[in-house]
Each structure stands twice: as structure tokens, then as C-alpha cells.
PDB file of N, CA and C in Angstrom:
ATOM      1  N   MET A   1      86.523   3.176 -26.765  1.00  0.00           N
ATOM      2  CA  MET A   1      87.962   2.964 -26.813  1.00  0.00           C
ATOM      3  C   MET A   1      88.582   3.486 -25.511  1.00  0.00           C
ATOM      4  N   PRO A   2      89.208   2.607 -24.706  1.00  0.00           N
ATOM      5  CA  PRO A   2      89.825   3.050 -23.456  1.00  0.00           C
ATOM      6  C   PRO A   2      90.962   4.026 -23.713  1.00  0.00           C
ATOM      7  N   ASN A   3      91.122   4.945 -22.800  1.00  0.00           N
ATOM      8  CA  ASN A   3      92.193   5.939 -22.853  1.00  0.00           C
ATOM      9  C   ASN A   3      92.148   6.821 -24.092  1.00  0.00           C
ATOM     10  N   SER A   4      90.970   7.013 -24.631  1.00  0.00           N
ATOM     11  CA  SER A   4      90.857   7.922 -25.763  1.00  0.00           C
ATOM     12  C   SER A   4      90.787   9.352 -25.238  1.00  0.00           C
ATOM     13  N   PRO A   5      91.090  10.334 -26.069  1.00  0.00           N
ATOM     14  CA  PRO A   5      91.059  11.728 -25.621  1.00  0.00           C
ATOM     15  C   PRO A   5      89.692  12.162 -25.092  1.00  0.00           C
ATOM     16  N   SER A   6      88.616  11.468 -25.499  1.00  0.00           N
ATOM     17  CA  SER A   6      87.289  11.865 -25.041  1.00  0.00           C
ATOM     18  C   SER A   6      86.951  11.318 -23.652  1.00  0.00           C
ATOM     19  N   ASP A   7      87.780  10.393 -23.113  1.00  0.00           N
ATOM     20  CA  ASP A   7      87.537   9.873 -21.769  1.00  0.00           C
ATOM     21  C   ASP A   7      87.674  11.002 -20.756  1.00  0.00           C
ATOM     22  N   THR A   8      86.716  11.085 -19.848  1.00  0.00           N
ATOM     23  CA  THR A   8      86.783  12.059 -18.776  1.00  0.00           C
ATOM     24  C   THR A   8      87.535  11.435 -17.609  1.00  0.00           C
ATOM     25  N   PRO A   9      88.591  12.071 -17.141  1.00  0.00           N
ATOM     26  CA  PRO A   9      89.339  11.486 -16.031  1.00  0.00           C
ATOM     27  C   PRO A   9      88.527  11.501 -14.739  1.00  0.00           C
ATOM     28  N   ARG A  10      88.718  10.497 -13.920  1.00  0.00           N
ATOM     29  CA  ARG A  10      88.093  10.421 -12.603  1.00  0.00           C
ATOM     30  C   ARG A  10      88.967  11.171 -11.619  1.00  0.00           C
ATOM     31  N   ARG A  11      88.340  11.914 -10.728  1.00  0.00           N
ATOM     32  CA  ARG A  11      89.094  12.608  -9.684  1.00  0.00           C
ATOM     33  C   ARG A  11      89.143  11.705  -8.464  1.00  0.00           C
ATOM     34  N   ILE A  12      90.341  11.493  -7.927  1.00  0.00           N
ATOM     35  CA  ILE A  12      90.547  10.718  -6.711  1.00  0.00           C
ATOM     36  C   ILE A  12      91.202  11.636  -5.695  1.00  0.00           C
ATOM     37  N   THR A  13      90.601  11.739  -4.524  1.00  0.00           N
ATOM     38  CA  THR A  13      91.131  12.582  -3.466  1.00  0.00           C
ATOM     39  C   THR A  13      91.766  11.692  -2.405  1.00  0.00           C
ATOM     40  N   VAL A  14      93.041  11.933  -2.119  1.00  0.00           N
ATOM     41  CA  VAL A  14      93.783  11.148  -1.137  1.00  0.00           C
ATOM     42  C   VAL A  14      93.751  11.885   0.194  1.00  0.00           C
ATOM     43  N   GLN A  15      93.388  11.147   1.246  1.00  0.00           N
ATOM     44  CA  GLN A  15      93.371  11.707   2.597  1.00  0.00           C
ATOM     45  C   GLN A  15      94.396  10.966   3.429  1.00  0.00           C
ATOM     46  N   ARG A  16      95.166  11.680   4.201  1.00  0.00           N
ATOM     47  CA  ARG A  16      96.269  11.082   4.954  1.00  0.00           C
ATOM     48  C   ARG A  16      95.809   9.945   5.864  1.00  0.00           C
ATOM     49  N   ARG A  17      94.756  10.149   6.616  1.00  0.00           N
ATOM     50  CA  ARG A  17      94.277   9.124   7.548  1.00  0.00           C
ATOM     51  C   ARG A  17      92.838   8.754   7.253  1.00  0.00           C
ATOM     52  N   GLY A  18      92.572   8.466   6.025  1.00  0.00           N
ATOM     53  CA  GLY A  18      91.202   8.146   5.667  1.00  0.00           C
ATOM     54  C   GLY A  18      91.126   7.422   4.346  1.00  0.00           C
ATOM     55  N   PRO A  19      89.924   7.351   3.828  1.00  0.00           N
ATOM     56  CA  PRO A  19      89.706   6.619   2.586  1.00  0.00           C
ATOM     57  C   PRO A  19      90.127   7.422   1.352  1.00  0.00           C
ATOM     58  N   LEU A  20      90.167   6.743   0.226  1.00  0.00           N
ATOM     59  CA  LEU A  20      90.304   7.421  -1.057  1.00  0.00           C
ATOM     60  C   LEU A  20      88.902   7.832  -1.481  1.00  0.00           C
ATOM     61  N   LEU A  21      88.717   9.076  -1.825  1.00  0.00           N
ATOM     62  CA  LEU A  21      87.424   9.560  -2.313  1.00  0.00           C
ATOM     63  C   LEU A  21      87.489   9.588  -3.831  1.00  0.00           C
ATOM     64  N   VAL A  22      86.585   8.851  -4.464  1.00  0.00           N
ATOM     65  CA  VAL A  22      86.594   8.704  -5.920  1.00  0.00           C
ATOM     66  C   VAL A  22      85.281   9.207  -6.480  1.00  0.00           C
ATOM     67  N   GLU A  23      85.358  10.072  -7.485  1.00  0.00           N
ATOM     68  CA  GLU A  23      84.143  10.526  -8.149  1.00  0.00           C
ATOM     69  C   GLU A  23      83.565   9.354  -8.923  1.00  0.00           C
ATOM     70  N   GLY A  24      82.281   9.114  -8.725  1.00  0.00           N
ATOM     71  CA  GLY A  24      81.631   7.956  -9.336  1.00  0.00           C
ATOM     72  C   GLY A  24      80.919   8.327 -10.612  1.00  0.00           C
ATOM     73  N   PRO A  25      80.264   7.376 -11.206  1.00  0.00           N
ATOM     74  CA  PRO A  25      80.117   5.990 -10.755  1.00  0.00           C
ATOM     75  C   PRO A  25      81.431   5.225 -10.925  1.00  0.00           C
ATOM     76  N   VAL A  26      81.574   4.137 -10.139  1.00  0.00           N
ATOM     77  CA  VAL A  26      82.795   3.339 -10.202  1.00  0.00           C
ATOM     78  C   VAL A  26      82.467   1.853 -10.290  1.00  0.00           C
ATOM     79  N   GLU A  27      83.390   1.142 -10.897  1.00  0.00           N
ATOM     80  CA  GLU A  27      83.344  -0.313 -10.951  1.00  0.00           C
ATOM     81  C   GLU A  27      84.705  -0.776 -10.466  1.00  0.00           C
ATOM     82  N   ILE A  28      84.713  -1.669  -9.472  1.00  0.00           N
ATOM     83  CA  ILE A  28      85.960  -2.096  -8.846  1.00  0.00           C
ATOM     84  C   ILE A  28      86.084  -3.608  -8.954  1.00  0.00           C
ATOM     85  N   GLU A  29      87.228  -4.057  -9.437  1.00  0.00           N
ATOM     86  CA  GLU A  29      87.506  -5.492  -9.478  1.00  0.00           C
ATOM     87  C   GLU A  29      88.338  -5.843  -8.250  1.00  0.00           C
ATOM     88  N   LEU A  30      87.820  -6.774  -7.438  1.00  0.00           N
ATOM     89  CA  LEU A  30      88.493  -7.199  -6.223  1.00  0.00           C
ATOM     90  C   LEU A  30      89.530  -8.272  -6.516  1.00  0.00           C
ATOM     91  N   GLU A  31      90.345  -8.595  -5.510  1.00  0.00           N
ATOM     92  CA  GLU A  31      91.418  -9.581  -5.669  1.00  0.00           C
ATOM     93  C   GLU A  31      90.916 -10.928  -6.168  1.00  0.00           C
ATOM     94  N   ASP A  32      89.721 -11.316  -5.730  1.00  0.00           N
ATOM     95  CA  ASP A  32      89.185 -12.631  -6.115  1.00  0.00           C
ATOM     96  C   ASP A  32      88.503 -12.623  -7.475  1.00  0.00           C
ATOM     97  N   GLY A  33      88.531 -11.476  -8.163  1.00  0.00           N
ATOM     98  CA  GLY A  33      87.961 -11.387  -9.499  1.00  0.00           C
ATOM     99  C   GLY A  33      86.519 -10.908  -9.534  1.00  0.00           C
ATOM    100  N   THR A  34      85.871 -10.800  -8.369  1.00  0.00           N
ATOM    101  CA  THR A  34      84.504 -10.296  -8.356  1.00  0.00           C
ATOM    102  C   THR A  34      84.515  -8.788  -8.607  1.00  0.00           C
ATOM    103  N   THR A  35      83.410  -8.297  -9.111  1.00  0.00           N
ATOM    104  CA  THR A  35      83.289  -6.881  -9.423  1.00  0.00           C
ATOM    105  C   THR A  35      82.172  -6.271  -8.585  1.00  0.00           C
ATOM    106  N   VAL A  36      82.457  -5.113  -8.011  1.00  0.00           N
ATOM    107  CA  VAL A  36      81.438  -4.358  -7.283  1.00  0.00           C
ATOM    108  C   VAL A  36      81.253  -3.029  -7.994  1.00  0.00           C
ATOM    109  N   TYR A  37      80.057  -2.485  -7.896  1.00  0.00           N
ATOM    110  CA  TYR A  37      79.705  -1.273  -8.636  1.00  0.00           C
ATOM    111  C   TYR A  37      78.963  -0.308  -7.721  1.00  0.00           C
ATOM    112  N   SER A  38      79.217   0.963  -7.902  1.00  0.00           N
ATOM    113  CA  SER A  38      78.454   2.002  -7.216  1.00  0.00           C
ATOM    114  C   SER A  38      78.144   3.101  -8.211  1.00  0.00           C
ATOM    115  N   ASP A  39      76.887   3.548  -8.202  1.00  0.00           N
ATOM    116  CA  ASP A  39      76.510   4.643  -9.092  1.00  0.00           C
ATOM    117  C   ASP A  39      76.421   5.978  -8.355  1.00  0.00           C
ATOM    118  N   ARG A  40      76.928   6.017  -7.136  1.00  0.00           N
ATOM    119  CA  ARG A  40      76.930   7.268  -6.365  1.00  0.00           C
ATOM    120  C   ARG A  40      77.859   8.290  -7.017  1.00  0.00           C
ATOM    121  N   PHE A  41      77.637   9.579  -6.727  1.00  0.00           N
ATOM    122  CA  PHE A  41      78.463  10.630  -7.329  1.00  0.00           C
ATOM    123  C   PHE A  41      79.867  10.657  -6.730  1.00  0.00           C
ATOM    124  N   ARG A  42      80.036  10.108  -5.520  1.00  0.00           N
ATOM    125  CA  ARG A  42      81.344  10.001  -4.884  1.00  0.00           C
ATOM    126  C   ARG A  42      81.318   8.794  -3.957  1.00  0.00           C
ATOM    127  N   VAL A  43      82.383   8.010  -3.979  1.00  0.00           N
ATOM    128  CA  VAL A  43      82.486   6.858  -3.090  1.00  0.00           C
ATOM    129  C   VAL A  43      83.772   6.969  -2.273  1.00  0.00           C
ATOM    130  N   ALA A  44      83.742   6.370  -1.090  1.00  0.00           N
ATOM    131  CA  ALA A  44      84.908   6.327  -0.224  1.00  0.00           C
ATOM    132  C   ALA A  44      85.432   4.898  -0.220  1.00  0.00           C
ATOM    133  N   LEU A  45      86.666   4.720  -0.692  1.00  0.00           N
ATOM    134  CA  LEU A  45      87.275   3.397  -0.756  1.00  0.00           C
ATOM    135  C   LEU A  45      88.208   3.204   0.434  1.00  0.00           C
ATOM    136  N   CYS A  46      88.026   2.099   1.134  1.00  0.00           N
ATOM    137  CA  CYS A  46      88.811   1.777   2.320  1.00  0.00           C
ATOM    138  C   CYS A  46      90.266   1.525   1.938  1.00  0.00           C
ATOM    139  N   THR A  47      91.194   2.117   2.694  1.00  0.00           N
ATOM    140  CA  THR A  47      92.618   1.863   2.483  1.00  0.00           C
ATOM    141  C   THR A  47      93.253   1.159   3.676  1.00  0.00           C
ATOM    142  N   CYS A  48      92.511   1.018   4.780  1.00  0.00           N
ATOM    143  CA  CYS A  48      93.080   0.393   5.981  1.00  0.00           C
ATOM    144  C   CYS A  48      92.677  -1.073   6.125  1.00  0.00           C
ATOM    145  N   ARG A  49      91.704  -1.523   5.331  1.00  0.00           N
ATOM    146  CA  ARG A  49      91.192  -2.898   5.341  1.00  0.00           C
ATOM    147  C   ARG A  49      90.471  -3.270   6.631  1.00  0.00           C
ATOM    148  N   ARG A  50      90.072  -2.286   7.433  1.00  0.00           N
ATOM    149  CA  ARG A  50      89.308  -2.577   8.656  1.00  0.00           C
ATOM    150  C   ARG A  50      87.806  -2.566   8.401  1.00  0.00           C
ATOM    151  N   SER A  51      87.396  -2.046   7.277  1.00  0.00           N
ATOM    152  CA  SER A  51      85.975  -1.892   6.975  1.00  0.00           C
ATOM    153  C   SER A  51      85.270  -3.237   6.870  1.00  0.00           C
ATOM    154  N   ARG A  52      84.101  -3.324   7.483  1.00  0.00           N
ATOM    155  CA  ARG A  52      83.281  -4.525   7.344  1.00  0.00           C
ATOM    156  C   ARG A  52      82.559  -4.534   6.003  1.00  0.00           C
ATOM    157  N   ARG A  53      82.619  -3.418   5.284  1.00  0.00           N
ATOM    158  CA  ARG A  53      81.970  -3.289   3.979  1.00  0.00           C
ATOM    159  C   ARG A  53      83.006  -3.170   2.862  1.00  0.00           C
ATOM    160  N   TYR A  54      84.228  -3.628   3.111  1.00  0.00           N
ATOM    161  CA  TYR A  54      85.309  -3.496   2.151  1.00  0.00           C
ATOM    162  C   TYR A  54      84.854  -3.931   0.756  1.00  0.00           C
ATOM    163  N   PRO A  55      85.138  -3.178  -0.292  1.00  0.00           N
ATOM    164  CA  PRO A  55      86.113  -2.106  -0.404  1.00  0.00           C
ATOM    165  C   PRO A  55      85.584  -0.729  -0.026  1.00  0.00           C
ATOM    166  N   TRP A  56      84.317  -0.641   0.359  1.00  0.00           N
ATOM    167  CA  TRP A  56      83.744   0.647   0.744  1.00  0.00           C
ATOM    168  C   TRP A  56      84.164   0.988   2.176  1.00  0.00           C
ATOM    169  N   CYS A  57      84.458   2.235   2.430  1.00  0.00           N
ATOM    170  CA  CYS A  57      84.853   2.685   3.762  1.00  0.00           C
ATOM    171  C   CYS A  57      83.619   2.781   4.657  1.00  0.00           C
ATOM    172  N   ASP A  58      83.739   2.262   5.889  1.00  0.00           N
ATOM    173  CA  ASP A  58      82.670   2.415   6.875  1.00  0.00           C
ATOM    174  C   ASP A  58      83.157   3.217   8.083  1.00  0.00           C
ATOM    175  N   THR A  59      84.236   3.948   7.952  1.00  0.00           N
ATOM    176  CA  THR A  59      84.891   4.801   8.951  1.00  0.00           C
ATOM    177  C   THR A  59      85.544   4.020  10.086  1.00  0.00           C
ATOM    178  N   SER A  60      85.807   2.737   9.897  1.00  0.00           N
ATOM    179  CA  SER A  60      86.495   1.949  10.920  1.00  0.00           C
ATOM    180  C   SER A  60      87.888   2.502  11.225  1.00  0.00           C
ATOM    181  N   HIS A  61      88.489   3.212  10.286  1.00  0.00           N
ATOM    182  CA  HIS A  61      89.819   3.788  10.505  1.00  0.00           C
ATOM    183  C   HIS A  61      89.818   4.807  11.642  1.00  0.00           C
ATOM    184  N   ARG A  62      88.689   5.409  11.939  1.00  0.00           N
ATOM    185  CA  ARG A  62      88.617   6.429  12.984  1.00  0.00           C
ATOM    186  C   ARG A  62      88.903   5.879  14.372  1.00  0.00           C
ATOM    187  N   ALA A  63      88.543   4.647  14.644  1.00  0.00           N
ATOM    188  CA  ALA A  63      88.753   4.061  15.966  1.00  0.00           C
ATOM    189  C   ALA A  63      90.230   4.017  16.318  1.00  0.00           C
ATOM    190  N   ARG A  64      91.078   3.828  15.349  1.00  0.00           N
ATOM    191  CA  ARG A  64      92.511   3.719  15.605  1.00  0.00           C
ATOM    192  C   ARG A  64      93.215   5.065  15.585  1.00  0.00           C
ATOM    193  N   SER A  65      92.596   6.082  15.023  1.00  0.00           N
ATOM    194  CA  SER A  65      93.286   7.367  14.859  1.00  0.00           C
ATOM    195  C   SER A  65      92.996   8.358  15.981  1.00  0.00           C
ATOM    196  N   SER A  66      92.519   7.889  17.130  1.00  0.00           N
ATOM    197  CA  SER A  66      92.258   8.817  18.226  1.00  0.00           C
ATOM    198  C   SER A  66      92.991   8.370  19.476  1.00  0.00           C
ATOM    199  N   GLY A  67      93.153   9.307  20.403  1.00  0.00           N
ATOM    200  CA  GLY A  67      93.721   8.980  21.704  1.00  0.00           C
ATOM    201  C   GLY A  67      95.156   8.506  21.647  1.00  0.00           C
ATOM    202  N   ALA A  68      95.448   7.404  22.343  1.00  0.00           N
ATOM    203  CA  ALA A  68      96.806   6.889  22.481  1.00  0.00           C
ATOM    204  C   ALA A  68      97.427   6.480  21.152  1.00  0.00           C
ATOM    205  N   ALA A  69      96.612   6.140  20.197  1.00  0.00           N
ATOM    206  CA  ALA A  69      97.152   5.709  18.906  1.00  0.00           C
ATOM    207  C   ALA A  69      97.917   6.828  18.222  1.00  0.00           C
ATOM    208  N   GLU A  70      97.652   8.073  18.587  1.00  0.00           N
ATOM    209  CA  GLU A  70      98.332   9.213  17.990  1.00  0.00           C
ATOM    210  C   GLU A  70      99.640   9.537  18.720  1.00  0.00           C
ATOM    211  N   ALA A  71      99.850   8.954  19.895  1.00  0.00           N
ATOM    212  CA  ALA A  71     101.037   9.261  20.674  1.00  0.00           C
ATOM    213  C   ALA A  71     102.280   8.710  19.982  1.00  0.00           C
ATOM    214  N   PRO A  72     103.377   9.461  19.989  1.00  0.00           N
ATOM    215  CA  PRO A  72     104.596   8.967  19.372  1.00  0.00           C
ATOM    216  C   PRO A  72     105.156   7.786  20.153  1.00  0.00           C
ATOM    217  N   GLY A  73     105.880   6.953  19.472  1.00  0.00           N
ATOM    218  CA  GLY A  73     106.499   5.816  20.143  1.00  0.00           C
ATOM    219  C   GLY A  73     106.609   4.645  19.199  1.00  0.00           C
ATOM    220  N   PRO A  74     107.147   3.539  19.699  1.00  0.00           N
ATOM    221  CA  PRO A  74     107.303   2.376  18.821  1.00  0.00           C
ATOM    222  C   PRO A  74     105.978   1.810  18.382  1.00  0.00           C
ATOM    223  N   ARG A  75     105.954   1.324  17.174  1.00  0.00           N
ATOM    224  CA  ARG A  75     104.736   0.712  16.636  1.00  0.00           C
ATOM    225  C   ARG A  75     104.955  -0.774  16.508  1.00  0.00           C
ATOM    226  N   GLY A  76     103.865  -1.501  16.804  1.00  0.00           N
ATOM    227  CA  GLY A  76     104.044  -2.935  16.726  1.00  0.00           C
ATOM    228  C   GLY A  76     102.927  -3.643  16.085  1.00  0.00           C
TER     229      GLY A  76
END
């Protein structure tokens, strides 16, 4: 029974400039209706959509978060 008192909540850790860290195992339904599954104890879910392994994070967000990208100014 979903949402029963015996369900153990999943811990999700939010990182300001990184992926969502989710305690696994997880099953994720994508926009197109396909389902992906991981039985790892923790998974990193991409939030920037740059990952070539989306929905899994491959650290592609790091390329944009260094150097000039951190400088203040207009964004385009």
C-alpha cells in the first residue's frame, strides 16, 4: 500500500550546483514513459540536463561552474 506508515522515506540531498543525491534503490519514470532503475545505495540525478547519461549525473555540470562562468554579470 503506497504511503502507508510502514513505508520508509527516501532521503534526497539537494546540492546548490550539482545533482540530487537520492538514497536507492530507485525507479524513475522519464518524460517519454520509459522507466530506468538503479539498485545502488545512492544515485546522483542530473538537474542541469547536460549529462550524456541522463537522468544519471555524469558531472557535466562541473564544466560550466568553473572560471569565467562564476564571474558576476549578465547571463544569456
